[in-house]
Protein backbone atom coordinates (compact mmCIF):
# COMPACT_ATOMS: atom_id res chain seq x y z
CA MET A 1 45.78 252.47 181.08
CA ASN A 2 47.55 251.00 178.89
CA PRO A 3 48.54 253.16 175.71
CA LEU A 4 48.30 249.51 173.42
CA HIS A 5 44.63 249.89 173.61
CA ARG A 6 43.33 253.19 175.06
CA ASN A 7 42.55 254.61 171.44
CA ASP A 8 43.40 251.67 168.61
CA ARG A 9 41.21 248.65 167.52
CA PRO A 10 43.66 245.51 167.68
CA ALA A 11 46.51 245.01 164.77
CA THR A 12 44.83 247.64 163.04
CA TYR A 13 46.17 250.32 161.84
CA PRO A 14 44.72 254.24 162.37
CA PRO A 15 42.43 256.00 160.11
CA SER A 16 45.26 257.39 158.77
CA TRP A 17 46.31 258.57 154.49
CA TYR A 18 49.82 256.72 155.49
CA ALA A 19 47.36 253.47 155.93
CA ALA A 20 45.66 254.02 153.10
CA THR A 21 48.18 254.35 150.93
CA ALA A 22 50.70 252.69 152.56
CA ALA A 23 51.79 249.03 150.58
CA PRO A 24 50.68 246.35 152.64
CA GLY A 25 52.24 243.71 153.99
CA PRO A 26 52.21 240.24 155.19
CA ASP A 27 50.01 239.41 158.32
CA ARG A 28 52.75 237.55 160.77
CA PRO A 29 51.99 234.86 163.01
CA ALA A 30 51.79 235.35 166.61
CA LEU A 31 54.64 233.54 169.20
CA ALA A 32 53.14 230.69 170.28
CA GLY A 33 54.61 228.79 173.08
CA ASP A 34 58.60 229.34 174.13
CA ALA A 35 61.50 230.18 171.87
CA GLU A 36 64.82 230.85 172.08
CA ALA A 37 67.23 233.65 170.41
CA ASP A 38 70.21 235.36 170.91
CA VAL A 39 68.71 238.91 170.87
CA ALA A 40 64.91 239.65 171.64
CA ILE A 41 63.24 241.87 170.55
CA LEU A 42 60.53 244.20 171.79
CA GLY A 43 58.39 247.16 169.72
CA ALA A 44 58.70 246.19 165.40
CA GLY A 45 59.18 250.25 164.91
CA PHE A 46 61.53 252.40 163.30
CA THR A 47 63.61 251.04 166.35
CA GLY A 48 63.53 247.61 166.95
CA LEU A 49 63.77 246.90 163.19
CA TRP A 50 66.68 248.50 162.56
CA ALA A 51 68.00 246.61 165.68
CA ALA A 52 66.72 243.41 163.98
CA LYS A 53 68.55 244.27 160.46
CA VAL A 54 71.41 245.65 161.90
CA LEU A 55 71.50 242.20 164.00
CA ALA A 56 70.89 239.74 162.02
CA GLU A 57 73.12 240.85 159.53
CA LYS A 58 76.13 240.43 161.71
CA GLY A 59 75.00 236.57 162.31
CA PHE A 60 72.90 237.33 165.36
CA LYS A 61 69.45 235.36 165.66
CA VAL A 62 66.66 237.49 166.32
CA THR A 63 63.20 237.81 166.94
CA LEU A 64 61.33 240.95 166.96
CA LEU A 65 58.10 241.02 169.12
CA GLU A 66 55.29 243.45 168.01
CA ALA A 67 52.10 243.60 169.84
CA HIS A 68 50.11 244.95 166.97
CA ARG A 69 51.40 245.29 163.09
CA VAL A 70 54.51 246.48 161.80
CA GLY A 71 54.84 250.19 161.93
CA TRP A 72 51.68 250.53 163.65
CA GLY A 73 52.50 253.08 166.63
CA ALA A 74 54.60 256.34 166.39
CA SER A 75 56.16 255.05 163.29
CA GLY A 76 53.98 254.63 161.23
CA ARG A 77 51.38 257.74 161.90
CA ASN A 78 53.43 261.01 162.64
CA GLY A 79 54.72 263.50 160.77
CA GLY A 80 57.03 262.62 158.47
CA GLN A 81 59.76 265.27 159.31
CA VAL A 82 63.17 263.39 159.07
CA GLY A 83 65.05 266.74 161.35
CA SER A 84 68.65 267.70 161.97
CA GLY A 85 70.07 267.27 165.96
CA TYR A 86 67.78 267.32 168.42
CA ASN A 87 64.53 268.75 170.26
CA LYS A 88 67.30 270.69 172.12
CA PRO A 89 69.56 273.34 170.57
CA MET A 90 72.66 272.13 170.06
CA ARG A 91 74.23 275.45 172.12
CA TRP A 92 72.41 274.03 175.22
CA ILE A 93 73.46 270.51 174.56
CA ALA A 94 77.25 271.40 174.55
CA ALA A 95 76.83 273.79 177.79
CA ARG A 96 75.86 270.89 179.19
CA MET A 97 77.95 267.82 177.71
CA GLY A 98 81.01 269.74 176.82
CA GLU A 99 82.17 270.49 173.27
CA GLU A 100 83.64 267.10 172.16
CA LYS A 101 80.56 264.87 173.67
CA ALA A 102 78.48 267.49 171.91
CA ARG A 103 80.01 266.86 168.41
CA ALA A 104 79.90 263.32 169.49
CA VAL A 105 76.07 263.36 169.13
CA TRP A 106 75.73 265.78 166.99
CA GLN A 107 77.73 263.48 163.97
CA VAL A 108 75.21 260.62 165.29
CA ALA A 109 72.39 262.39 164.38
CA GLU A 110 74.29 263.25 160.96
CA ASP A 111 74.35 259.58 160.93
CA ALA A 112 71.11 259.15 161.19
CA LYS A 113 69.76 261.54 158.46
CA ALA A 114 72.07 259.59 156.34
CA GLN A 115 71.34 256.05 157.11
CA LEU A 116 67.48 256.84 156.52
CA ARG A 117 68.36 258.50 152.86
CA ALA A 118 70.18 255.93 151.86
CA PHE A 119 67.77 252.95 153.11
CA CYS A 120 64.96 254.90 151.04
CA GLU A 121 67.04 254.93 147.94
CA THR A 122 68.08 251.56 147.78
CA HIS A 123 64.95 249.86 149.93
CA ALA A 124 62.09 252.17 149.98
CA VAL A 125 61.40 254.51 147.01
CA GLU A 126 57.58 254.01 148.40
CA ALA A 127 58.61 256.39 151.17
CA ASP A 128 59.00 259.34 148.65
CA TRP A 129 62.06 261.05 150.34
CA LYS A 130 61.82 264.64 149.60
CA ALA A 131 64.74 266.97 150.80
CA GLY A 132 63.39 270.65 153.11
CA VAL A 133 62.14 270.93 156.46
CA ALA A 134 61.58 274.87 157.22
CA HIS A 135 61.81 275.99 161.13
CA GLY A 136 58.71 279.04 161.85
CA ALA A 137 58.76 282.16 164.59
CA TYR A 138 56.31 283.75 165.76
CA SER A 139 58.71 286.46 167.49
CA GLU A 140 61.45 288.26 165.82
CA ALA A 141 63.44 287.24 169.51
CA GLU A 142 62.45 283.42 167.96
CA ALA A 143 63.59 284.08 164.52
CA ALA A 144 67.04 285.11 165.80
CA GLU A 145 67.02 282.20 168.56
CA ASP A 146 66.78 280.20 164.65
CA HIS A 147 69.42 282.14 162.82
CA ALA A 148 71.62 282.09 166.05
CA GLU A 149 71.99 278.29 165.67
CA ALA A 150 71.85 278.45 162.63
CA GLU A 151 75.02 279.91 162.33
CA TYR A 152 76.39 277.62 165.71
CA LEU A 153 75.85 274.84 163.44
CA ALA A 154 77.96 275.85 160.47
CA LYS A 155 80.51 277.64 162.79
CA THR A 156 80.87 274.91 165.00
CA TYR A 157 79.91 271.71 162.42
CA GLY A 158 80.71 273.31 159.52
CA TYR A 159 76.95 272.87 158.72
CA ALA A 160 75.68 274.60 155.67
CA ASP A 161 72.41 273.73 154.89
CA ALA A 162 70.71 275.68 157.40
CA GLU A 163 68.89 279.38 155.58
CA PRO A 164 68.75 282.00 157.78
CA MET A 165 65.11 283.30 156.54
CA ASP A 166 63.80 287.01 157.75
CA ALA A 167 59.99 288.04 157.90
CA ALA A 168 59.66 288.37 153.94
CA ARG A 169 61.40 285.82 152.88
CA PHE A 170 59.85 282.96 155.11
CA ALA A 171 56.49 284.64 154.33
CA GLU A 172 57.45 284.27 150.46
CA LEU A 173 57.93 280.49 151.42
CA VAL A 174 55.15 279.97 154.15
CA LYS A 175 52.23 281.66 152.89
CA SER A 176 51.10 282.55 156.47
CA PRO A 177 50.32 285.79 158.11
CA LEU A 178 51.62 285.35 161.47
CA TYR A 179 55.46 284.18 161.31
CA LYS A 180 58.08 286.48 161.81
CA GLY A 181 60.96 285.01 160.56
CA GLY A 182 62.73 281.41 160.74
CA LEU A 183 64.72 279.40 158.59
CA LEU A 184 64.96 276.18 156.33
CA ASP A 185 67.05 273.06 156.70
CA ARG A 186 67.66 271.60 153.55
CA GLY A 187 69.38 269.26 155.28
CA ALA A 188 66.49 267.84 157.00
CA ALA A 189 63.76 265.83 155.11
CA HIS A 190 60.18 264.47 154.96
CA ILE A 191 59.22 261.33 154.16
CA HIS A 192 56.20 258.36 153.95
CA PRO A 193 56.76 257.34 156.96
CA LEU A 194 54.85 253.39 157.16
CA ASN A 195 55.75 252.68 153.89
CA TYR A 196 59.39 253.32 155.46
CA ALA A 197 58.40 250.94 158.19
CA LEU A 198 57.35 248.26 156.12
CA ALA A 199 59.82 248.24 153.73
CA LEU A 200 62.21 248.15 156.93
CA ALA A 201 60.59 245.11 158.23
CA ARG A 202 61.19 243.42 154.78
CA ALA A 203 65.34 244.33 155.03
CA ALA A 204 64.89 242.90 158.64
CA GLU A 205 63.20 239.25 157.56
CA ALA A 206 65.44 239.26 154.64
CA ALA A 207 68.90 239.59 156.47
CA GLY A 208 66.86 236.41 158.74
CA ALA A 209 65.10 238.43 161.46
CA VAL A 210 61.96 237.17 162.97
CA ILE A 211 58.88 238.88 163.41
CA HIS A 212 55.94 237.96 165.40
CA GLU A 213 52.99 240.58 165.44
CA ARG A 214 49.50 240.56 167.73
CA SER A 215 52.40 239.26 170.12
CA GLU A 216 51.86 242.02 173.10
CA VAL A 217 54.59 241.66 175.87
CA THR A 218 53.19 241.62 179.31
CA ALA A 219 56.34 240.93 181.56
CA VAL A 220 59.83 242.05 180.67
CA ASP A 221 62.59 240.43 182.94
CA THR A 222 65.95 241.97 182.58
CA GLY A 223 68.27 239.83 184.29
CA PRO A 224 71.36 237.83 183.63
CA ARG A 225 68.77 235.45 181.29
CA PRO A 226 66.11 238.11 179.90
CA SER A 227 63.07 237.31 178.60
CA LEU A 228 59.34 238.84 177.58
CA THR A 229 56.18 237.09 178.17
CA THR A 230 53.13 237.63 176.25
CA ALA A 231 49.89 235.72 176.27
CA GLN A 232 50.96 233.01 174.14
CA GLY A 233 54.10 231.62 175.25
CA VAL A 234 58.10 233.35 176.59
CA LEU A 235 60.97 234.57 174.28
CA ARG A 236 64.24 233.97 176.13
CA ALA A 237 67.40 235.35 175.38
CA LYS A 238 71.18 235.94 174.94
CA HIS A 239 70.16 239.74 174.98
CA LEU A 240 67.45 242.06 175.03
CA ILE A 241 66.47 245.77 173.52
CA LEU A 242 63.33 247.34 174.52
CA ALA A 243 61.91 249.77 171.59
CA GLY A 244 58.31 250.31 172.42
CA ASN A 245 59.03 254.32 173.22
CA GLY A 246 55.59 255.60 173.67
CA TYR A 247 53.12 252.54 173.91
CA LEU A 248 56.04 250.93 175.95
CA PRO A 249 53.25 250.47 179.18
CA VAL A 250 54.43 250.70 182.67
CA ILE A 251 56.06 247.20 183.05
CA GLU A 252 60.14 248.11 183.57
CA PRO A 253 60.41 251.51 185.93
CA HIS A 254 63.63 252.80 184.50
CA MET A 255 62.17 253.77 181.04
CA SER A 256 58.53 255.02 182.50
CA ALA A 257 60.15 257.28 184.85
CA ARG A 258 61.68 258.72 182.26
CA VAL A 259 59.34 259.27 179.00
CA MET A 260 55.73 259.90 179.77
CA PRO A 261 53.47 259.16 176.56
CA ILE A 262 51.56 262.31 174.96
CA ASN A 263 49.40 262.18 172.25
CA SER A 264 49.06 264.60 168.93
CA PHE A 265 47.11 264.50 166.07
CA ILE A 266 47.15 265.32 162.10
CA ALA A 267 44.66 266.32 159.18
CA ALA A 268 44.50 265.48 155.98
CA THR A 269 42.85 267.41 153.13
CA GLU A 270 41.25 266.69 150.25
CA PRO A 271 43.49 267.68 147.21
CA LEU A 272 44.45 270.88 147.01
CA ASP A 273 44.52 272.83 143.20
CA ASP A 274 46.77 274.87 143.92
CA PRO A 275 49.74 273.83 147.06
CA ARG A 276 51.56 276.86 146.24
CA SER A 277 49.13 278.98 147.53
CA VAL A 278 50.37 277.59 151.07
CA LEU A 279 53.88 276.62 150.60
CA ALA A 280 56.12 277.42 147.64
CA GLU A 281 58.32 274.73 147.83
CA ASP A 282 57.44 270.85 148.75
CA ILE A 283 58.45 271.00 152.09
CA ALA A 284 58.02 270.18 155.58
CA VAL A 285 57.29 273.24 158.36
CA ALA A 286 57.45 272.60 161.85
CA ASP A 287 56.76 276.58 164.46
CA SER A 288 57.96 277.50 167.75
CA LYS A 289 55.21 277.25 169.63
CA PHE A 290 55.16 274.02 172.94
CA VAL A 291 52.74 272.58 171.56
CA VAL A 292 54.29 272.06 167.58
CA ASN A 293 52.18 272.95 164.92
CA TYR A 294 53.72 270.73 161.82
CA TYR A 295 52.78 270.40 158.36
CA ARG A 296 53.51 269.65 154.87
CA PHE A 297 52.34 268.26 151.35
CA THR A 298 51.77 264.51 150.34
CA ALA A 299 52.22 263.39 146.94
CA ASP A 300 48.82 263.20 146.00
CA GLY A 301 48.59 267.43 146.79
CA ARG A 302 46.85 266.62 150.28
CA PHE A 303 47.82 269.34 153.19
CA LEU A 304 48.60 267.15 155.76
CA PHE A 305 48.52 269.94 159.30
CA GLY A 306 49.42 268.29 162.55
CA GLY A 307 49.48 269.51 166.06
CA ARG A 308 46.52 270.10 169.33
CA GLU A 309 47.01 269.46 172.80
CA SER A 310 46.44 266.51 174.33
CA TYR A 311 47.15 265.36 178.07
CA GLY A 312 45.25 263.17 178.89
CA LEU A 313 46.64 258.84 177.62
CA GLY A 314 42.86 259.02 175.71
CA PHE A 315 42.10 260.39 172.13
CA PRO A 316 39.25 263.85 172.75
CA ASP A 317 35.47 263.50 171.60
CA ASP A 318 36.76 266.05 168.64
CA ILE A 319 39.74 265.54 166.92
CA ARG A 320 38.61 267.52 163.63
CA GLY A 321 37.40 270.78 164.85
CA PRO A 322 40.48 272.09 167.24
CA LEU A 323 42.56 270.97 164.64
CA VAL A 324 41.56 272.41 161.21
CA ALA A 325 40.87 275.69 163.30
CA ARG A 326 44.45 275.92 164.16
CA MET A 327 45.10 275.24 160.52
CA THR A 328 43.33 277.49 159.10
CA ARG A 329 44.38 280.44 161.78
CA LEU A 330 47.96 279.91 160.16
CA PHE A 331 46.27 280.31 156.68
CA PRO A 332 43.37 281.58 155.89
CA GLN A 333 42.58 280.25 152.98
CA LEU A 334 42.29 277.06 153.65
CA GLU A 335 38.82 277.98 155.45
CA GLY A 336 36.41 275.37 153.83
CA VAL A 337 39.10 272.62 152.19
CA GLY A 338 37.13 269.46 152.76
CA ILE A 339 39.11 266.76 155.35
CA SER A 340 39.82 263.57 153.97
CA HIS A 341 41.67 261.84 156.98
CA VAL A 342 41.49 262.60 160.57
CA TRP A 343 44.00 260.60 163.28
CA GLY A 344 45.88 260.20 166.33
CA GLY A 345 48.27 258.74 168.07
CA THR A 346 51.19 258.74 170.62
CA LEU A 347 55.24 259.36 171.37
CA GLY A 348 57.47 259.34 174.34
CA ILE A 349 58.52 262.98 175.60
CA THR A 350 61.23 263.28 178.30
CA MET A 351 61.60 265.73 180.97
CA THR A 352 64.56 267.45 178.62
CA ARG A 353 62.91 266.72 175.11
CA LEU A 354 66.32 264.36 174.81
CA PRO A 355 66.50 260.83 173.95
CA HIS A 356 67.07 258.37 176.95
CA LEU A 357 69.66 255.73 175.38
CA ALA A 358 70.12 253.01 178.84
CA ARG A 359 71.79 249.87 179.94
CA LEU A 360 68.47 248.31 182.35
CA GLY A 361 69.82 245.11 183.21
CA PRO A 362 73.05 243.01 181.95
CA THR A 363 72.39 241.90 178.77
CA THR A 364 69.56 245.13 178.32
CA LEU A 365 68.85 247.90 176.74
CA SER A 366 66.54 250.57 176.09
CA ALA A 367 66.32 253.69 173.79
CA ALA A 368 63.17 256.19 173.81
CA GLY A 369 61.78 259.62 174.32
CA PHE A 370 62.21 261.20 170.53
CA SER A 371 59.98 263.76 171.43
CA GLY A 372 58.70 264.57 168.30
CA HIS A 373 62.10 264.58 166.81
CA GLY A 374 62.93 260.41 166.36
CA VAL A 375 61.86 259.77 162.23
CA ALA A 376 65.41 259.54 162.62
CA LEU A 377 66.60 259.39 165.56
CA SER A 378 64.71 256.38 166.77
CA GLY A 379 65.95 254.30 163.92
CA MET A 380 69.85 255.08 164.78
CA ALA A 381 69.09 254.21 168.20
CA GLY A 382 67.84 250.95 167.18
CA ARG A 383 71.55 250.61 165.50
CA LEU A 384 73.25 251.49 168.31
CA MET A 385 72.13 248.76 170.29
CA ALA A 386 72.82 246.42 167.93
CA GLU A 387 76.74 247.92 167.63
CA ALA A 388 76.52 247.48 171.76
CA VAL A 389 75.14 243.90 171.88
CA ALA A 390 77.87 243.21 168.91
CA GLY A 391 80.69 244.56 171.00
CA GLN A 392 80.85 248.55 169.66
CA ALA A 393 79.52 250.38 172.27
CA GLU A 394 80.61 254.42 171.72
CA ARG A 395 78.72 255.20 169.69
CA PHE A 396 75.61 253.76 172.24
CA ASP A 397 77.69 255.54 175.55
CA VAL A 398 77.96 258.94 174.33
CA MET A 399 73.83 258.77 173.61
CA SER A 400 73.77 257.82 176.65
CA GLU A 401 74.86 260.40 178.80
CA LEU A 402 72.41 262.64 176.98
CA PRO A 403 70.99 265.55 179.98
CA VAL A 404 67.25 263.28 180.89
CA GLN A 405 66.38 263.06 183.92
CA ARG A 406 63.32 261.43 186.20
CA PHE A 407 59.75 263.16 186.08
CA PRO A 408 59.24 264.25 189.58
CA GLY A 409 57.51 261.08 191.17
CA GLY A 410 58.84 259.04 188.85
CA ALA A 411 55.67 257.02 186.61
CA ALA A 412 52.93 257.67 189.43
CA LEU A 413 53.20 261.47 188.89
CA ARG A 414 54.55 262.07 185.16
CA ALA A 415 51.15 262.13 184.22
CA PRO A 416 49.55 264.82 186.52
CA LEU A 417 52.68 267.24 186.89
CA MET A 418 53.34 266.84 182.77
CA THR A 419 49.63 268.44 182.33
CA LEU A 420 50.29 270.86 184.19
CA ALA A 421 53.46 272.19 182.46
CA MET A 422 51.82 271.76 179.36
CA SER A 423 48.52 273.32 179.64
CA TRP A 424 50.65 276.45 181.25
CA TYR A 425 53.54 276.59 177.86
CA ALA A 426 49.66 275.87 175.48
CA MET A 427 48.24 279.60 177.52
CA ARG A 428 51.59 280.88 177.23
CA ASP A 429 51.20 279.80 173.31
CA ARG A 430 47.05 281.06 173.17
CA LEU A 431 47.98 284.48 174.75
CA GLY A 432 51.58 284.80 172.23
CA LEU A 433 54.23 285.18 175.07
């Protein structure tokens, strides 16, 4: 079933704390009739919006189509964590790509954080950039892996912002009895992602890009003269960029065989009297569970807690109960706290948990599958596709070499096979293996 419609009301933001506190954006008209552009873009999330902004600034005529609203998908409802690197250790990436290309993709990830921070400082102070993301380990072996990666980053790339922590130091920072250590990355950060997306749309339009909302794409032509078809019309262009990620329907076979939609969920508590009884600093945290827990505080003192598994495309009937159970197991001191908002969303993952950038036709590019690590990377992917359209493809090309294979059986079997795999890992999480 189409992820654009399975769990949400059309053109309506989810009932998230982000939507409740966002600076509202204007309603943008749907595509009406046939239109032409230099570059057509599908998807008004971080990827599509950055591509539109960069290309418009370079003088291209850019038109972007969004099925619902700007930032409606994963870009406007995620955990807001701006991580370093990728959802795979750099040691793993270097072993497969070689040191030179690994260094290049590491630099892309660093550039992604720098791009986001600079934009927040100049165009989106309401995104509330806050430095610091910790990673919690449930075993001494996992903590040792974190420490080894931090040492590798410092030695290989000169990255000195990741501080290894033993169990005692980590417990001072993150007030849970379950972690055995981890690290604190002060080069990472957290933000209000919907405010960021809305500001990015304003910047793209100020540069000259045209954005049509309520313009769901029903067919994609990646041939020599690419086009996007909607119920209202057809957009033809010289270049095409697909930026639908986990919300892209099965209308493009290459990406559908390599990127799978899965769901994640977040609860927001009522404001806490003493946030430091949970986190000693205003940081974000993710942990080493395969079905990862991720959490942080909002500017008004609410605890945002995300995670829990769901392997069907549809949201479960009870989101709140299992999510709160996970939260209070980690933080018993939150037992009985009030919950003000609960929401879910869909993200795109790949077999290797690395993003997939690809050339799909003579003038068609795509990027997706950021696997929970996309707040910074997805925006940089948009910039890299814009650079490639403008004739500077070096960074896009090296990123396209990240190892991402097809799901076994392609699009037809990706969901049942991934459900089996994730159920197995979720069981290991519960058993502490």
